[in-house]
Amino acid sequence: MTDTAPAGFVRVAAVRDVEEGTMLGVVTPGGERVCLVNTSGELRAVSDECPHQGFALSAGELCADGTIECVWHGARFDYRTGAVKRGPAEEPLPRYEVRVEDGEVYVGGRLP
């Protein structure tokens, strides 16, 4: 493991902590709650706060249709795009850049 994160990124987990087909909630050193999603061998990162009422999405369900379901009120979000797929949430999820280097997961800035 290296002690130096890529420029603009922060280390949030080891790859082994996010098994295939699972999610992991992490907090960046700056205090942002991020949900890591590992599907089909690819790691993605979205906000770990449901925009409806702030519940942790990592406590929800990773669904076979490519969505994350919030366990509080059932809102669903596409974890690839952040798009709302089912309300009551109306705002999309922020997404983050992800890099994997030397078995470590790094999260960068928000994606457009």
Protein backbone atom coordinates (compact mmCIF):
# COMPACT_ATOMS: atom_id res chain seq x y z
CA MET A 1 0.00 0.00 0.00
CA THR A 2 1.25 3.46 -0.82
CA ASP A 3 0.80 6.40 1.52
CA THR A 4 0.25 8.83 -1.35
CA ALA A 5 -3.18 9.19 -2.91
CA PRO A 6 -3.45 10.20 -6.57
CA ALA A 7 -3.74 13.98 -6.94
CA GLY A 8 -7.29 15.10 -6.13
CA PHE A 9 -8.27 11.77 -4.57
CA VAL A 10 -8.53 10.41 -1.02
CA ARG A 11 -8.20 6.80 0.15
CA VAL A 12 -11.49 5.47 1.50
CA ALA A 13 -11.16 1.66 1.60
CA ALA A 14 -9.27 -1.41 0.50
CA VAL A 15 -10.68 -3.24 -2.53
CA ARG A 16 -11.10 -6.38 -0.38
CA ASP A 17 -13.54 -4.42 1.83
CA VAL A 18 -16.04 -4.08 -1.04
CA GLU A 19 -16.84 -7.59 -2.24
CA GLU A 20 -18.47 -8.23 -5.60
CA GLY A 21 -22.21 -7.53 -5.46
CA THR A 22 -22.01 -5.41 -2.30
CA MET A 23 -22.03 -1.80 -1.12
CA LEU A 24 -19.94 -0.13 1.55
CA GLY A 25 -20.60 3.20 3.23
CA VAL A 26 -17.48 5.27 3.91
CA VAL A 27 -16.73 8.80 5.07
CA THR A 28 -14.04 10.84 3.35
CA PRO A 29 -11.52 12.82 5.41
CA GLY A 30 -13.58 15.89 4.43
CA GLY A 31 -16.71 14.38 6.00
CA GLU A 32 -18.61 13.40 2.84
CA ARG A 33 -20.62 10.18 3.13
CA VAL A 34 -19.97 8.01 0.08
CA CYS A 35 -21.45 4.65 -0.92
CA LEU A 36 -19.07 2.36 -2.83
CA VAL A 37 -20.77 -0.14 -5.13
CA ASN A 38 -18.97 -3.17 -6.60
CA THR A 39 -20.74 -4.86 -9.49
CA SER A 40 -19.36 -6.74 -12.48
CA GLY A 41 -15.84 -6.10 -11.23
CA GLU A 42 -16.27 -2.33 -11.38
CA LEU A 43 -16.29 0.04 -8.42
CA ARG A 44 -18.53 3.09 -8.48
CA ALA A 45 -19.19 5.77 -5.89
CA VAL A 46 -22.35 7.75 -5.18
CA SER A 47 -23.50 9.83 -2.25
CA ASP A 48 -24.44 7.69 0.75
CA GLU A 49 -27.23 10.12 1.64
CA CYS A 50 -30.68 9.64 0.14
CA PRO A 51 -31.65 13.10 -1.16
CA HIS A 52 -35.17 12.55 0.15
CA GLN A 53 -34.31 12.58 3.88
CA GLY A 54 -30.62 11.78 4.24
CA PHE A 55 -30.82 8.09 5.18
CA ALA A 56 -27.68 6.00 4.48
CA LEU A 57 -28.16 4.25 1.14
CA SER A 58 -25.44 1.73 2.02
CA ALA A 59 -27.93 0.34 4.58
CA GLY A 60 -30.36 -0.30 1.73
CA GLU A 61 -30.55 -2.93 -0.97
CA LEU A 62 -28.42 -3.36 -4.08
CA CYS A 63 -30.99 -4.50 -6.64
CA ALA A 64 -30.48 -6.71 -9.70
CA ASP A 65 -31.84 -3.96 -11.98
CA GLY A 66 -28.82 -1.72 -11.32
CA THR A 67 -30.40 0.37 -8.60
CA ILE A 68 -29.91 1.06 -4.92
CA GLU A 69 -33.08 1.07 -2.84
CA CYS A 70 -33.33 3.27 0.24
CA VAL A 71 -34.81 1.18 3.05
CA TRP A 72 -36.54 4.15 4.63
CA HIS A 73 -39.08 5.16 1.98
CA GLY A 74 -38.22 2.91 -0.98
CA ALA A 75 -36.65 5.48 -3.31
CA ARG A 76 -34.47 3.87 -5.98
CA PHE A 77 -31.44 5.30 -7.77
CA ASP A 78 -29.38 4.07 -10.71
CA TYR A 79 -25.93 3.68 -9.15
CA ARG A 80 -24.24 4.17 -12.55
CA THR A 81 -25.86 7.53 -13.37
CA GLY A 82 -27.34 8.70 -10.06
CA ALA A 83 -30.76 9.07 -11.72
CA VAL A 84 -33.92 8.67 -9.64
CA LYS A 85 -35.75 5.53 -10.77
CA ARG A 86 -38.51 5.60 -8.14
CA GLY A 87 -39.64 8.29 -5.70
CA PRO A 88 -40.33 9.78 -3.28
CA ALA A 89 -36.86 11.27 -3.91
CA GLU A 90 -36.78 13.86 -6.69
CA GLU A 91 -33.09 14.80 -6.83
CA PRO A 92 -30.44 12.53 -8.40
CA LEU A 93 -27.53 11.13 -6.42
CA PRO A 94 -24.19 12.87 -6.74
CA ARG A 95 -21.55 10.56 -8.24
CA TYR A 96 -17.81 10.57 -7.59
CA GLU A 97 -14.68 9.65 -9.51
CA VAL A 98 -13.14 6.36 -8.38
CA ARG A 99 -9.62 5.03 -8.82
CA VAL A 100 -8.19 1.71 -7.72
CA GLU A 101 -4.43 1.48 -7.23
CA ASP A 102 -2.41 -1.18 -5.43
CA GLY A 103 -5.54 -2.73 -3.92
CA GLU A 104 -6.78 0.57 -2.48
CA VAL A 105 -9.93 2.53 -3.40
CA TYR A 106 -9.64 6.29 -3.86
CA VAL A 107 -12.51 8.73 -4.34
CA GLY A 108 -12.10 12.04 -6.14
CA GLY A 109 -14.41 14.91 -6.92
CA ARG A 110 -18.05 14.85 -7.87
CA LEU A 111 -18.85 13.97 -11.46
CA PRO A 112 -21.10 16.22 -13.56
